[in-house]
Amino acid sequence: MATDAGRPQAARTHPDPWHAATSGRTVMAAVLMIFGGAMAFFEGVAALASDDLFVMTRHYVFEFSLTGWGWVHLILGIVLVAAGCAVLFSGALWARYLGITVAGLGAFANFLWLPYYPLWALVLIAVNIVVIWALCTGAHHEADMT
């Protein structure tokens, strides 16, 4: 039986997706996460600081107090910025998964926030959906490039 122990290994055709180099999609997703997280943070601060800024709808199914929504968006904003920095500086697979999860939670929270500030919520929903798309397709795109 012959073995290949003495011969040098040929380079792998596909890189390990756990440590794929970051591409433009991943960098774009990280920057959008930092931007969206900052917007969510300021949305939370505005909700905590002033109740007169937002429209109060009656008989909304997902009705929380404005202070409760403020804390939700404040915490989500901080976590989005942290996840965006992790994706930007490490590009690791765990950071991408964290980014996808947090961006999904951000899109869901902004969907529930629609009656309070519709335009801002729609912009953040769109940003979070683009982030999820870029993080989901970025690893496959990077693996095919090398």
C-alpha atoms as a PDB file:
ATOM      1  CA  MET A   1       0.000   0.000   0.000  1.00  0.00           C
ATOM      2  CA  ALA A   2       1.432   3.335  -1.021  1.00  0.00           C
ATOM      3  CA  THR A   3       1.091   6.384   1.151  1.00  0.00           C
ATOM      4  CA  ASP A   4       1.307  10.065   0.446  1.00  0.00           C
ATOM      5  CA  ALA A   5       2.983  10.951   3.743  1.00  0.00           C
ATOM      6  CA  GLY A   6       6.300  11.925   2.147  1.00  0.00           C
ATOM      7  CA  ARG A   7       4.933  14.076  -0.669  1.00  0.00           C
ATOM      8  CA  PRO A   8       3.983  17.718  -0.197  1.00  0.00           C
ATOM      9  CA  GLN A   9       0.269  18.376  -0.218  1.00  0.00           C
ATOM     10  CA  ALA A  10      -1.202  20.295  -3.131  1.00  0.00           C
ATOM     11  CA  ALA A  11      -3.029  23.504  -2.355  1.00  0.00           C
ATOM     12  CA  ARG A  12      -6.704  23.038  -1.656  1.00  0.00           C
ATOM     13  CA  THR A  13      -9.001  24.244  -4.381  1.00  0.00           C
ATOM     14  CA  HIS A  14     -11.467  25.821  -1.974  1.00  0.00           C
ATOM     15  CA  PRO A  15     -10.333  27.765   1.086  1.00  0.00           C
ATOM     16  CA  ASP A  16     -11.622  26.975   4.516  1.00  0.00           C
ATOM     17  CA  PRO A  17     -14.825  29.047   5.001  1.00  0.00           C
ATOM     18  CA  TRP A  18     -14.005  29.400   8.699  1.00  0.00           C
ATOM     19  CA  HIS A  19     -11.165  31.778   7.845  1.00  0.00           C
ATOM     20  CA  ALA A  20     -12.102  33.176   4.456  1.00  0.00           C
ATOM     21  CA  ALA A  21     -10.635  36.527   3.568  1.00  0.00           C
ATOM     22  CA  THR A  22     -13.094  39.373   3.671  1.00  0.00           C
ATOM     23  CA  SER A  23     -14.496  40.667   0.410  1.00  0.00           C
ATOM     24  CA  GLY A  24     -16.300  43.827  -0.523  1.00  0.00           C
ATOM     25  CA  ARG A  25     -19.659  42.317   0.451  1.00  0.00           C
ATOM     26  CA  THR A  26     -18.459  41.477   3.932  1.00  0.00           C
ATOM     27  CA  VAL A  27     -16.903  44.901   4.441  1.00  0.00           C
ATOM     28  CA  MET A  28     -20.097  46.549   3.154  1.00  0.00           C
ATOM     29  CA  ALA A  29     -22.167  44.435   5.561  1.00  0.00           C
ATOM     30  CA  ALA A  30     -19.918  45.373   8.474  1.00  0.00           C
ATOM     31  CA  VAL A  31     -20.085  49.089   7.673  1.00  0.00           C
ATOM     32  CA  LEU A  32     -23.870  48.910   7.284  1.00  0.00           C
ATOM     33  CA  MET A  33     -24.115  47.065  10.608  1.00  0.00           C
ATOM     34  CA  ILE A  34     -22.137  49.802  12.331  1.00  0.00           C
ATOM     35  CA  PHE A  35     -24.272  52.474  10.630  1.00  0.00           C
ATOM     36  CA  GLY A  36     -27.561  50.670  11.387  1.00  0.00           C
ATOM     37  CA  GLY A  37     -26.468  50.006  14.956  1.00  0.00           C
ATOM     38  CA  ALA A  38     -25.668  53.680  15.478  1.00  0.00           C
ATOM     39  CA  MET A  39     -29.066  54.630  14.044  1.00  0.00           C
ATOM     40  CA  ALA A  40     -30.811  52.111  16.327  1.00  0.00           C
ATOM     41  CA  PHE A  41     -28.815  53.434  19.293  1.00  0.00           C
ATOM     42  CA  PHE A  42     -29.930  57.002  18.585  1.00  0.00           C
ATOM     43  CA  GLU A  43     -33.478  55.761  18.031  1.00  0.00           C
ATOM     44  CA  GLY A  44     -33.371  54.233  21.512  1.00  0.00           C
ATOM     45  CA  VAL A  45     -31.925  57.397  23.034  1.00  0.00           C
ATOM     46  CA  ALA A  46     -34.642  59.497  21.376  1.00  0.00           C
ATOM     47  CA  ALA A  47     -37.345  57.157  22.659  1.00  0.00           C
ATOM     48  CA  LEU A  48     -35.956  57.316  26.191  1.00  0.00           C
ATOM     49  CA  ALA A  49     -35.423  61.085  26.167  1.00  0.00           C
ATOM     50  CA  SER A  50     -38.587  62.488  24.633  1.00  0.00           C
ATOM     51  CA  ASP A  51     -42.047  61.023  24.395  1.00  0.00           C
ATOM     52  CA  ASP A  52     -43.253  63.898  22.184  1.00  0.00           C
ATOM     53  CA  LEU A  53     -41.122  62.921  19.191  1.00  0.00           C
ATOM     54  CA  PHE A  54     -42.954  59.730  18.283  1.00  0.00           C
ATOM     55  CA  VAL A  55     -46.503  59.074  17.117  1.00  0.00           C
ATOM     56  CA  MET A  56     -48.536  57.061  19.604  1.00  0.00           C
ATOM     57  CA  THR A  57     -50.976  54.744  17.871  1.00  0.00           C
ATOM     58  CA  ARG A  58     -54.023  53.316  19.558  1.00  0.00           C
ATOM     59  CA  HIS A  59     -54.842  49.626  19.769  1.00  0.00           C
ATOM     60  CA  TYR A  60     -51.570  48.377  18.323  1.00  0.00           C
ATOM     61  CA  VAL A  61     -51.060  44.648  18.864  1.00  0.00           C
ATOM     62  CA  PHE A  62     -47.396  44.931  19.902  1.00  0.00           C
ATOM     63  CA  GLU A  63     -47.854  47.917  22.164  1.00  0.00           C
ATOM     64  CA  PHE A  64     -45.014  48.508  24.619  1.00  0.00           C
ATOM     65  CA  SER A  65     -44.296  51.660  26.493  1.00  0.00           C
ATOM     66  CA  LEU A  66     -42.026  54.020  24.616  1.00  0.00           C
ATOM     67  CA  THR A  67     -39.419  53.552  27.334  1.00  0.00           C
ATOM     68  CA  GLY A  68     -39.471  49.785  26.766  1.00  0.00           C
ATOM     69  CA  TRP A  69     -38.965  50.239  23.027  1.00  0.00           C
ATOM     70  CA  GLY A  70     -36.189  52.724  23.768  1.00  0.00           C
ATOM     71  CA  TRP A  71     -34.274  50.144  25.783  1.00  0.00           C
ATOM     72  CA  VAL A  72     -34.824  47.456  23.129  1.00  0.00           C
ATOM     73  CA  HIS A  73     -33.405  49.670  20.371  1.00  0.00           C
ATOM     74  CA  LEU A  74     -30.594  50.989  22.558  1.00  0.00           C
ATOM     75  CA  ILE A  75     -29.369  47.467  23.394  1.00  0.00           C
ATOM     76  CA  LEU A  76     -29.832  46.213  19.819  1.00  0.00           C
ATOM     77  CA  GLY A  77     -27.884  49.204  18.527  1.00  0.00           C
ATOM     78  CA  ILE A  78     -24.946  48.514  20.838  1.00  0.00           C
ATOM     79  CA  VAL A  79     -24.899  44.813  19.906  1.00  0.00           C
ATOM     80  CA  LEU A  80     -25.160  45.654  16.172  1.00  0.00           C
ATOM     81  CA  VAL A  81     -22.187  48.007  16.371  1.00  0.00           C
ATOM     82  CA  ALA A  82     -20.162  45.398  18.275  1.00  0.00           C
ATOM     83  CA  ALA A  83     -21.071  42.668  15.772  1.00  0.00           C
ATOM     84  CA  GLY A  84     -20.231  44.987  12.869  1.00  0.00           C
ATOM     85  CA  CYS A  85     -16.807  45.671  14.357  1.00  0.00           C
ATOM     86  CA  ALA A  86     -16.265  41.926  14.851  1.00  0.00           C
ATOM     87  CA  VAL A  87     -17.141  41.224  11.214  1.00  0.00           C
ATOM     88  CA  LEU A  88     -15.024  44.123   9.963  1.00  0.00           C
ATOM     89  CA  PHE A  89     -11.899  43.317  11.941  1.00  0.00           C
ATOM     90  CA  SER A  90     -12.000  39.517  12.088  1.00  0.00           C
ATOM     91  CA  GLY A  91     -14.224  38.302   9.250  1.00  0.00           C
ATOM     92  CA  ALA A  92     -14.601  35.036  11.165  1.00  0.00           C
ATOM     93  CA  LEU A  93     -17.551  32.759  10.613  1.00  0.00           C
ATOM     94  CA  TRP A  94     -18.812  33.202  14.187  1.00  0.00           C
ATOM     95  CA  ALA A  95     -18.879  36.989  13.637  1.00  0.00           C
ATOM     96  CA  ARG A  96     -20.918  36.514  10.461  1.00  0.00           C
ATOM     97  CA  TYR A  97     -23.403  34.271  12.261  1.00  0.00           C
ATOM     98  CA  LEU A  98     -23.658  36.803  15.086  1.00  0.00           C
ATOM     99  CA  GLY A  99     -24.192  39.569  12.521  1.00  0.00           C
ATOM    100  CA  ILE A 100     -26.935  37.620  10.735  1.00  0.00           C
ATOM    101  CA  THR A 101     -28.699  36.894  14.027  1.00  0.00           C
ATOM    102  CA  VAL A 102     -28.500  40.433  15.368  1.00  0.00           C
ATOM    103  CA  ALA A 103     -29.476  41.990  12.018  1.00  0.00           C
ATOM    104  CA  GLY A 104     -32.505  39.667  11.917  1.00  0.00           C
ATOM    105  CA  LEU A 105     -33.491  40.737  15.412  1.00  0.00           C
ATOM    106  CA  GLY A 106     -33.002  44.372  14.389  1.00  0.00           C
ATOM    107  CA  ALA A 107     -35.237  43.969  11.340  1.00  0.00           C
ATOM    108  CA  PHE A 108     -37.903  42.278  13.471  1.00  0.00           C
ATOM    109  CA  ALA A 109     -37.743  44.966  16.170  1.00  0.00           C
ATOM    110  CA  ASN A 110     -38.030  47.716  13.561  1.00  0.00           C
ATOM    111  CA  PHE A 111     -40.980  45.955  11.962  1.00  0.00           C
ATOM    112  CA  LEU A 112     -42.717  46.117  15.328  1.00  0.00           C
ATOM    113  CA  TRP A 113     -41.589  49.760  15.632  1.00  0.00           C
ATOM    114  CA  LEU A 114     -43.326  50.795  12.349  1.00  0.00           C
ATOM    115  CA  PRO A 115     -46.329  52.578  13.943  1.00  0.00           C
ATOM    116  CA  TYR A 116     -44.072  54.806  16.054  1.00  0.00           C
ATOM    117  CA  TYR A 117     -41.655  56.083  13.390  1.00  0.00           C
ATOM    118  CA  PRO A 118     -42.456  54.556   9.969  1.00  0.00           C
ATOM    119  CA  LEU A 119     -39.785  56.087   7.714  1.00  0.00           C
ATOM    120  CA  TRP A 120     -36.904  55.446  10.114  1.00  0.00           C
ATOM    121  CA  ALA A 121     -38.127  51.900  10.744  1.00  0.00           C
ATOM    122  CA  LEU A 122     -38.388  51.142   7.011  1.00  0.00           C
ATOM    123  CA  VAL A 123     -34.853  52.411   6.390  1.00  0.00           C
ATOM    124  CA  LEU A 124     -33.472  50.251   9.201  1.00  0.00           C
ATOM    125  CA  ILE A 125     -35.424  47.206   8.006  1.00  0.00           C
ATOM    126  CA  ALA A 126     -33.912  47.661   4.533  1.00  0.00           C
ATOM    127  CA  VAL A 127     -30.397  48.111   5.970  1.00  0.00           C
ATOM    128  CA  ASN A 128     -30.738  44.968   8.095  1.00  0.00           C
ATOM    129  CA  ILE A 129     -32.034  42.907   5.155  1.00  0.00           C
ATOM    130  CA  VAL A 130     -29.087  44.030   2.989  1.00  0.00           C
ATOM    131  CA  VAL A 131     -26.716  43.098   5.842  1.00  0.00           C
ATOM    132  CA  ILE A 132     -28.247  39.627   6.110  1.00  0.00           C
ATOM    133  CA  TRP A 133     -27.988  39.138   2.336  1.00  0.00           C
ATOM    134  CA  ALA A 134     -24.362  40.295   2.212  1.00  0.00           C
ATOM    135  CA  LEU A 135     -23.281  38.126   5.149  1.00  0.00           C
ATOM    136  CA  CYS A 136     -25.069  35.049   3.792  1.00  0.00           C
ATOM    137  CA  THR A 137     -23.643  35.346   0.277  1.00  0.00           C
ATOM    138  CA  GLY A 138     -20.239  36.794   1.167  1.00  0.00           C
ATOM    139  CA  ALA A 139     -18.628  33.552   2.366  1.00  0.00           C
ATOM    140  CA  HIS A 140     -19.583  31.655  -0.797  1.00  0.00           C
ATOM    141  CA  HIS A 141     -18.397  34.514  -2.984  1.00  0.00           C
ATOM    142  CA  GLU A 142     -15.050  34.647  -1.162  1.00  0.00           C
ATOM    143  CA  ALA A 143     -14.578  30.872  -1.387  1.00  0.00           C
ATOM    144  CA  ASP A 144     -15.135  30.949  -5.158  1.00  0.00           C
ATOM    145  CA  MET A 145     -12.698  33.820  -5.698  1.00  0.00           C
ATOM    146  CA  THR A 146      -9.569  31.925  -4.640  1.00  0.00           C
END
